[in-house]
């Protein structure tokens, strides 16, 4: 995996999203294929949350 710094616009968007997560509890949205940041939302459908939880590898 090669390091690729964020473009200035991407960096500002990610920082705003992280502040929204810390201040207002906004969910951070990631692309399923490459885990890149795609935005924020206040609400997620329960089905989408369950799919995300099930996709995390478990080694127990």
PDB file of N, CA and C in Angstrom:
ATOM      1  N   UNK A   1       0.845  -1.162   0.000  1.00  0.00           N
ATOM      2  CA  UNK A   1       0.000   0.000   0.000  1.00  0.00           C
ATOM      3  C   UNK A   1       0.898   1.235   0.000  1.00  0.00           C
ATOM      4  N   UNK A   2       0.662   2.133  -0.920  1.00  0.00           N
ATOM      5  CA  UNK A   2       1.440   3.356  -1.017  1.00  0.00           C
ATOM      6  C   UNK A   2       0.762   4.478  -0.246  1.00  0.00           C
ATOM      7  N   UNK A   3       1.573   5.310   0.388  1.00  0.00           N
ATOM      8  CA  UNK A   3       1.052   6.475   1.078  1.00  0.00           C
ATOM      9  C   UNK A   3       0.681   7.538   0.058  1.00  0.00           C
ATOM     10  N   UNK A   4      -0.519   8.067   0.178  1.00  0.00           N
ATOM     11  CA  UNK A   4      -0.977   9.144  -0.698  1.00  0.00           C
ATOM     12  C   UNK A   4      -1.622  10.205   0.177  1.00  0.00           C
ATOM     13  N   UNK A   5      -0.989  11.362   0.352  1.00  0.00           N
ATOM     14  CA  UNK A   5      -1.570  12.400   1.202  1.00  0.00           C
ATOM     15  C   UNK A   5      -2.892  12.899   0.630  1.00  0.00           C
ATOM     16  N   UNK A   6      -3.763  13.343   1.515  1.00  0.00           N
ATOM     17  CA  UNK A   6      -5.055  13.863   1.082  1.00  0.00           C
ATOM     18  C   UNK A   6      -4.887  15.207   0.394  1.00  0.00           C
ATOM     19  N   UNK A   7      -5.725  15.445  -0.591  1.00  0.00           N
ATOM     20  CA  UNK A   7      -5.795  16.774  -1.200  1.00  0.00           C
ATOM     21  C   UNK A   7      -6.368  17.725  -0.154  1.00  0.00           C
ATOM     22  N   UNK A   8      -6.091  18.997  -0.292  1.00  0.00           N
ATOM     23  CA  UNK A   8      -6.531  19.984   0.709  1.00  0.00           C
ATOM     24  C   UNK A   8      -8.046  19.951   0.926  1.00  0.00           C
ATOM     25  N   UNK A   9      -8.825  19.838  -0.138  1.00  0.00           N
ATOM     26  CA  UNK A   9     -10.291  19.789  -0.009  1.00  0.00           C
ATOM     27  C   UNK A   9     -10.720  18.532   0.748  1.00  0.00           C
ATOM     28  N   UNK A  10     -10.110  17.380   0.452  1.00  0.00           N
ATOM     29  CA  UNK A  10     -10.432  16.130   1.158  1.00  0.00           C
ATOM     30  C   UNK A  10     -10.078  16.253   2.633  1.00  0.00           C
ATOM     31  N   UNK A  11      -8.940  16.871   2.913  1.00  0.00           N
ATOM     32  CA  UNK A  11      -8.485  17.043   4.293  1.00  0.00           C
ATOM     33  C   UNK A  11      -9.478  17.898   5.086  1.00  0.00           C
ATOM     34  N   UNK A  12      -9.932  19.009   4.493  1.00  0.00           N
ATOM     35  CA  UNK A  12     -10.904  19.878   5.181  1.00  0.00           C
ATOM     36  C   UNK A  12     -12.217  19.144   5.420  1.00  0.00           C
ATOM     37  N   UNK A  13     -12.666  18.367   4.426  1.00  0.00           N
ATOM     38  CA  UNK A  13     -13.922  17.627   4.560  1.00  0.00           C
ATOM     39  C   UNK A  13     -13.813  16.581   5.676  1.00  0.00           C
ATOM     40  N   UNK A  14     -12.694  15.873   5.741  1.00  0.00           N
ATOM     41  CA  UNK A  14     -12.500  14.858   6.768  1.00  0.00           C
ATOM     42  C   UNK A  14     -12.419  15.489   8.150  1.00  0.00           C
ATOM     43  N   UNK A  15     -11.711  16.597   8.287  1.00  0.00           N
ATOM     44  CA  UNK A  15     -11.636  17.274   9.580  1.00  0.00           C
ATOM     45  C   UNK A  15     -13.011  17.754  10.043  1.00  0.00           C
ATOM     46  N   UNK A  16     -13.800  18.306   9.138  1.00  0.00           N
ATOM     47  CA  UNK A  16     -15.157  18.739   9.484  1.00  0.00           C
ATOM     48  C   UNK A  16     -16.004  17.541   9.920  1.00  0.00           C
ATOM     49  N   UNK A  17     -15.849  16.417   9.234  1.00  0.00           N
ATOM     50  CA  UNK A  17     -16.605  15.214   9.591  1.00  0.00           C
ATOM     51  C   UNK A  17     -16.193  14.696  10.965  1.00  0.00           C
ATOM     52  N   UNK A  18     -14.902  14.705  11.253  1.00  0.00           N
ATOM     53  CA  UNK A  18     -14.433  14.252  12.568  1.00  0.00           C
ATOM     54  C   UNK A  18     -14.940  15.169  13.674  1.00  0.00           C
ATOM     55  N   UNK A  19     -14.971  16.477  13.409  1.00  0.00           N
ATOM     56  CA  UNK A  19     -15.530  17.412  14.400  1.00  0.00           C
ATOM     57  C   UNK A  19     -17.023  17.160  14.593  1.00  0.00           C
ATOM     58  N   UNK A  20     -17.735  16.899  13.495  1.00  0.00           N
ATOM     59  CA  UNK A  20     -19.164  16.594  13.591  1.00  0.00           C
ATOM     60  C   UNK A  20     -19.407  15.317  14.371  1.00  0.00           C
ATOM     61  N   UNK A  21     -18.522  14.343  14.215  1.00  0.00           N
ATOM     62  CA  UNK A  21     -18.635  13.101  14.973  1.00  0.00           C
ATOM     63  C   UNK A  21     -18.429  13.365  16.457  1.00  0.00           C
ATOM     64  N   UNK A  22     -17.416  14.147  16.788  1.00  0.00           N
ATOM     65  CA  UNK A  22     -17.109  14.429  18.188  1.00  0.00           C
ATOM     66  C   UNK A  22     -18.164  15.333  18.833  1.00  0.00           C
ATOM     67  N   UNK A  23     -18.636  16.345  18.105  1.00  0.00           N
ATOM     68  CA  UNK A  23     -19.556  17.333  18.672  1.00  0.00           C
ATOM     69  C   UNK A  23     -21.020  16.903  18.634  1.00  0.00           C
ATOM     70  N   UNK A  24     -21.431  16.266  17.524  1.00  0.00           N
ATOM     71  CA  UNK A  24     -22.853  15.978  17.329  1.00  0.00           C
ATOM     72  C   UNK A  24     -23.158  14.503  17.128  1.00  0.00           C
ATOM     73  N   UNK A  25     -22.157  13.646  17.176  1.00  0.00           N
ATOM     74  CA  UNK A  25     -22.387  12.211  17.031  1.00  0.00           C
ATOM     75  C   UNK A  25     -22.691  11.770  15.619  1.00  0.00           C
ATOM     76  N   UNK A  26     -22.279  12.543  14.597  1.00  0.00           N
ATOM     77  CA  UNK A  26     -22.518  12.142  13.212  1.00  0.00           C
ATOM     78  C   UNK A  26     -21.742  10.874  12.893  1.00  0.00           C
ATOM     79  N   UNK A  27     -22.344  10.004  12.110  1.00  0.00           N
ATOM     80  CA  UNK A  27     -21.669   8.782  11.672  1.00  0.00           C
ATOM     81  C   UNK A  27     -20.755   9.108  10.501  1.00  0.00           C
ATOM     82  N   UNK A  28     -19.566   8.521  10.497  1.00  0.00           N
ATOM     83  CA  UNK A  28     -18.633   8.669   9.381  1.00  0.00           C
ATOM     84  C   UNK A  28     -18.901   7.549   8.391  1.00  0.00           C
ATOM     85  N   UNK A  29     -19.054   7.886   7.128  1.00  0.00           N
ATOM     86  CA  UNK A  29     -19.335   6.889   6.096  1.00  0.00           C
ATOM     87  C   UNK A  29     -18.059   6.556   5.337  1.00  0.00           C
ATOM     88  N   UNK A  30     -17.856   5.260   5.101  1.00  0.00           N
ATOM     89  CA  UNK A  30     -16.661   4.780   4.400  1.00  0.00           C
ATOM     90  C   UNK A  30     -17.092   3.978   3.185  1.00  0.00           C
ATOM     91  N   UNK A  31     -16.265   3.998   2.149  1.00  0.00           N
ATOM     92  CA  UNK A  31     -16.511   3.192   0.960  1.00  0.00           C
ATOM     93  C   UNK A  31     -16.246   1.730   1.307  1.00  0.00           C
ATOM     94  N   UNK A  32     -17.136   0.829   0.926  1.00  0.00           N
ATOM     95  CA  UNK A  32     -16.988  -0.591   1.277  1.00  0.00           C
ATOM     96  C   UNK A  32     -15.809  -1.248   0.591  1.00  0.00           C
ATOM     97  N   UNK A  33     -15.437  -0.779  -0.585  1.00  0.00           N
ATOM     98  CA  UNK A  33     -14.371  -1.442  -1.335  1.00  0.00           C
ATOM     99  C   UNK A  33     -12.982  -1.095  -0.830  1.00  0.00           C
ATOM    100  N   UNK A  34     -12.741   0.184  -0.538  1.00  0.00           N
ATOM    101  CA  UNK A  34     -11.375   0.564  -0.175  1.00  0.00           C
ATOM    102  C   UNK A  34     -11.296   1.357   1.133  1.00  0.00           C
ATOM    103  N   UNK A  35     -12.368   1.419   1.871  1.00  0.00           N
ATOM    104  CA  UNK A  35     -12.469   2.101   3.170  1.00  0.00           C
ATOM    105  C   UNK A  35     -12.107   3.580   3.111  1.00  0.00           C
ATOM    106  N   UNK A  36     -12.232   4.217   1.950  1.00  0.00           N
ATOM    107  CA  UNK A  36     -11.991   5.653   1.880  1.00  0.00           C
ATOM    108  C   UNK A  36     -13.196   6.403   2.454  1.00  0.00           C
ATOM    109  N   UNK A  37     -12.952   7.575   2.973  1.00  0.00           N
ATOM    110  CA  UNK A  37     -13.986   8.416   3.571  1.00  0.00           C
ATOM    111  C   UNK A  37     -14.902   8.951   2.478  1.00  0.00           C
ATOM    112  N   UNK A  38     -16.235   8.875   2.704  1.00  0.00           N
ATOM    113  CA  UNK A  38     -17.168   9.381   1.703  1.00  0.00           C
ATOM    114  C   UNK A  38     -18.150  10.409   2.246  1.00  0.00           C
ATOM    115  N   UNK A  39     -18.211  10.630   3.549  1.00  0.00           N
ATOM    116  CA  UNK A  39     -19.120  11.634   4.080  1.00  0.00           C
ATOM    117  C   UNK A  39     -19.606  11.316   5.476  1.00  0.00           C
ATOM    118  N   UNK A  40     -20.676  12.004   5.880  1.00  0.00           N
ATOM    119  CA  UNK A  40     -21.278  11.809   7.203  1.00  0.00           C
ATOM    120  C   UNK A  40     -22.789  11.740   7.077  1.00  0.00           C
ATOM    121  N   UNK A  41     -23.425  11.269   8.120  1.00  0.00           N
ATOM    122  CA  UNK A  41     -24.878  11.240   8.165  1.00  0.00           C
ATOM    123  C   UNK A  41     -25.319  11.235   9.627  1.00  0.00           C
ATOM    124  N   UNK A  42     -26.529  11.709   9.868  1.00  0.00           N
ATOM    125  CA  UNK A  42     -27.066  11.686  11.222  1.00  0.00           C
ATOM    126  C   UNK A  42     -27.767  10.370  11.522  1.00  0.00           C
ATOM    127  N   UNK A  43     -28.324   9.739  10.507  1.00  0.00           N
ATOM    128  CA  UNK A  43     -29.078   8.498  10.685  1.00  0.00           C
ATOM    129  C   UNK A  43     -28.601   7.431   9.711  1.00  0.00           C
ATOM    130  N   UNK A  44     -28.527   6.199  10.199  1.00  0.00           N
ATOM    131  CA  UNK A  44     -28.228   5.054   9.344  1.00  0.00           C
ATOM    132  C   UNK A  44     -29.304   4.007   9.554  1.00  0.00           C
ATOM    133  N   UNK A  45     -29.765   3.371   8.481  1.00  0.00           N
ATOM    134  CA  UNK A  45     -30.735   2.285   8.650  1.00  0.00           C
ATOM    135  C   UNK A  45     -30.109   1.133   9.447  1.00  0.00           C
ATOM    136  N   UNK A  46     -30.888   0.490  10.281  1.00  0.00           N
ATOM    137  CA  UNK A  46     -30.393  -0.615  11.109  1.00  0.00           C
ATOM    138  C   UNK A  46     -29.760  -1.706  10.248  1.00  0.00           C
ATOM    139  N   UNK A  47     -30.327  -1.973   9.083  1.00  0.00           N
ATOM    140  CA  UNK A  47     -29.784  -3.013   8.205  1.00  0.00           C
ATOM    141  C   UNK A  47     -28.356  -2.670   7.769  1.00  0.00           C
ATOM    142  N   UNK A  48     -28.096  -1.394   7.483  1.00  0.00           N
ATOM    143  CA  UNK A  48     -26.762  -0.974   7.069  1.00  0.00           C
ATOM    144  C   UNK A  48     -25.761  -1.116   8.227  1.00  0.00           C
ATOM    145  N   UNK A  49     -26.204  -0.828   9.437  1.00  0.00           N
ATOM    146  CA  UNK A  49     -25.342  -0.988  10.610  1.00  0.00           C
ATOM    147  C   UNK A  49     -25.013  -2.461  10.822  1.00  0.00           C
ATOM    148  N   UNK A  50     -26.006  -3.326  10.722  1.00  0.00           N
ATOM    149  CA  UNK A  50     -25.787  -4.760  10.922  1.00  0.00           C
ATOM    150  C   UNK A  50     -24.844  -5.324   9.857  1.00  0.00           C
ATOM    151  N   UNK A  51     -24.979  -4.886   8.628  1.00  0.00           N
ATOM    152  CA  UNK A  51     -24.084  -5.335   7.558  1.00  0.00           C
ATOM    153  C   UNK A  51     -22.650  -4.919   7.862  1.00  0.00           C
ATOM    154  N   UNK A  52     -22.475  -3.699   8.339  1.00  0.00           N
ATOM    155  CA  UNK A  52     -21.129  -3.218   8.683  1.00  0.00           C
ATOM    156  C   UNK A  52     -20.536  -4.031   9.826  1.00  0.00           C
ATOM    157  N   UNK A  53     -21.316  -4.315  10.847  1.00  0.00           N
ATOM    158  CA  UNK A  53     -20.829  -5.089  11.988  1.00  0.00           C
ATOM    159  C   UNK A  53     -20.458  -6.503  11.553  1.00  0.00           C
ATOM    160  N   UNK A  54     -21.288  -7.118  10.726  1.00  0.00           N
ATOM    161  CA  UNK A  54     -21.019  -8.482  10.265  1.00  0.00           C
ATOM    162  C   UNK A  54     -19.791  -8.564   9.360  1.00  0.00           C
ATOM    163  N   UNK A  55     -19.413  -7.463   8.730  1.00  0.00           N
ATOM    164  CA  UNK A  55     -18.283  -7.481   7.818  1.00  0.00           C
ATOM    165  C   UNK A  55     -16.924  -7.408   8.534  1.00  0.00           C
ATOM    166  N   UNK A  56     -16.937  -7.131   9.829  1.00  0.00           N
ATOM    167  CA  UNK A  56     -15.691  -7.042  10.583  1.00  0.00           C
ATOM    168  C   UNK A  56     -15.203  -8.461  10.893  1.00  0.00           C
ATOM    169  N   UNK A  57     -13.976  -8.795  10.516  1.00  0.00           N
ATOM    170  CA  UNK A  57     -13.462 -10.137  10.789  1.00  0.00           C
ATOM    171  C   UNK A  57     -13.399 -10.402  12.307  1.00  0.00           C
ATOM    172  N   UNK A  58     -13.739 -11.585  12.686  1.00  0.00           N
ATOM    173  CA  UNK A  58     -13.703 -11.978  14.094  1.00  0.00           C
ATOM    174  C   UNK A  58     -12.781 -13.189  14.219  1.00  0.00           C
ATOM    175  N   UNK A  59     -11.791 -13.096  15.082  1.00  0.00           N
ATOM    176  CA  UNK A  59     -10.808 -14.151  15.224  1.00  0.00           C
ATOM    177  C   UNK A  59     -10.875 -14.836  16.596  1.00  0.00           C
ATOM    178  N   UNK A  60     -12.065 -14.923  17.142  1.00  0.00           N
ATOM    179  CA  UNK A  60     -12.203 -15.527  18.461  1.00  0.00           C
ATOM    180  C   UNK A  60     -12.623 -16.968  18.348  1.00  0.00           C
TER     181      UNK A  60
END
